[in-house]
Amino acid sequence: MCFSAAASSVKAQGSMNLASNTAPVGATMPSRVAATQEWTGCRTRFWMSVLEQARAAFARLRDTTLADLTRAKGIDDSFP
């Protein structure tokens, strides 16, 4: 899950007092929670795809540069 419940404290009279950093009541409605989690998942998938594209581009660049260096030094492809 992308969120956690805030801790609560008990007053001297024994009544529950929610911590001040809890979400407003409207934000904890199931439909809003689901929408928030869906949006969070969408953003996560987006940034993971961006990261994967960057990794792939770096790998292509690294492999191309390595191949160019080995050719420049006269080392063939069978070199381990």
Protein backbone atom coordinates (compact mmCIF):
# COMPACT_ATOMS: atom_id res chain seq x y z
CA MET A 1 0.00 0.00 0.00
CA CYS A 2 1.08 3.55 -0.62
CA PHE A 3 -0.16 5.01 2.64
CA SER A 4 -0.23 4.18 6.33
CA ALA A 5 -2.51 5.12 9.17
CA ALA A 6 -1.27 7.77 11.57
CA ALA A 7 -0.71 6.92 15.19
CA SER A 8 -3.28 8.06 17.72
CA SER A 9 -2.86 9.15 21.29
CA VAL A 10 -5.15 8.66 24.25
CA LYS A 11 -6.07 11.62 26.45
CA ALA A 12 -6.23 11.37 30.22
CA GLN A 13 -10.01 10.90 30.03
CA GLY A 14 -9.51 7.84 27.81
CA SER A 15 -10.93 9.31 24.59
CA MET A 16 -9.13 8.85 21.31
CA ASN A 17 -7.35 11.83 19.77
CA LEU A 18 -6.09 11.38 16.21
CA ALA A 19 -2.67 12.79 15.42
CA SER A 20 -2.64 16.15 13.67
CA ASN A 21 -0.92 14.78 10.56
CA THR A 22 -3.78 12.50 9.50
CA ALA A 23 -5.53 13.01 6.19
CA PRO A 24 -8.83 14.92 6.08
CA VAL A 25 -11.94 12.74 6.27
CA GLY A 26 -12.85 13.36 2.61
CA ALA A 27 -9.45 12.12 1.44
CA THR A 28 -9.91 8.77 3.19
CA MET A 29 -13.14 7.85 1.40
CA PRO A 30 -12.63 4.53 -0.43
CA SER A 31 -13.27 6.02 -3.88
CA ARG A 32 -10.67 8.74 -3.32
CA VAL A 33 -8.16 6.32 -1.85
CA ALA A 34 -8.54 4.06 -4.88
CA ALA A 35 -8.16 7.02 -7.25
CA THR A 36 -5.05 8.18 -5.40
CA GLN A 37 -3.53 4.71 -5.50
CA GLU A 38 -4.36 4.40 -9.19
CA TRP A 39 -2.69 7.75 -9.93
CA THR A 40 0.34 6.79 -7.84
CA GLY A 41 0.62 3.52 -9.74
CA CYS A 42 0.35 5.36 -13.06
CA ARG A 43 3.14 7.78 -12.09
CA THR A 44 5.29 4.90 -10.85
CA ARG A 45 4.87 2.98 -14.11
CA PHE A 46 5.67 6.14 -16.09
CA TRP A 47 8.91 6.84 -14.24
CA MET A 48 9.94 3.19 -14.32
CA SER A 49 9.54 3.22 -18.12
CA VAL A 50 11.58 6.43 -18.36
CA LEU A 51 14.28 4.84 -16.21
CA GLU A 52 14.26 1.68 -18.33
CA GLN A 53 14.59 3.72 -21.53
CA ALA A 54 17.54 5.60 -20.04
CA ARG A 55 19.21 2.33 -19.00
CA ALA A 56 18.71 0.88 -22.49
CA ALA A 57 20.14 4.01 -24.13
CA PHE A 58 23.15 3.93 -21.82
CA ALA A 59 23.72 0.24 -22.56
CA ARG A 60 23.61 0.92 -26.31
CA LEU A 61 26.05 3.79 -25.93
CA ARG A 62 28.37 1.72 -23.73
CA ASP A 63 28.32 -1.23 -26.13
CA THR A 64 28.90 0.99 -29.17
CA THR A 65 31.77 2.81 -27.48
CA LEU A 66 33.32 -0.46 -26.33
CA ALA A 67 33.06 -1.92 -29.83
CA ASP A 68 34.67 1.22 -31.31
CA LEU A 69 37.52 1.06 -28.80
CA THR A 70 38.23 -2.61 -29.48
CA ARG A 71 38.24 -2.00 -33.25
CA ALA A 72 40.56 0.99 -32.82
CA LYS A 73 43.01 -1.13 -30.84
CA GLY A 74 42.84 -3.94 -33.40
CA ILE A 75 41.21 -6.40 -31.02
CA ASP A 76 38.79 -8.74 -32.76
CA ASP A 77 35.34 -9.74 -31.47
CA SER A 78 36.60 -13.13 -30.27
CA PHE A 79 38.61 -11.41 -27.54
CA PRO A 80 37.03 -12.24 -24.15
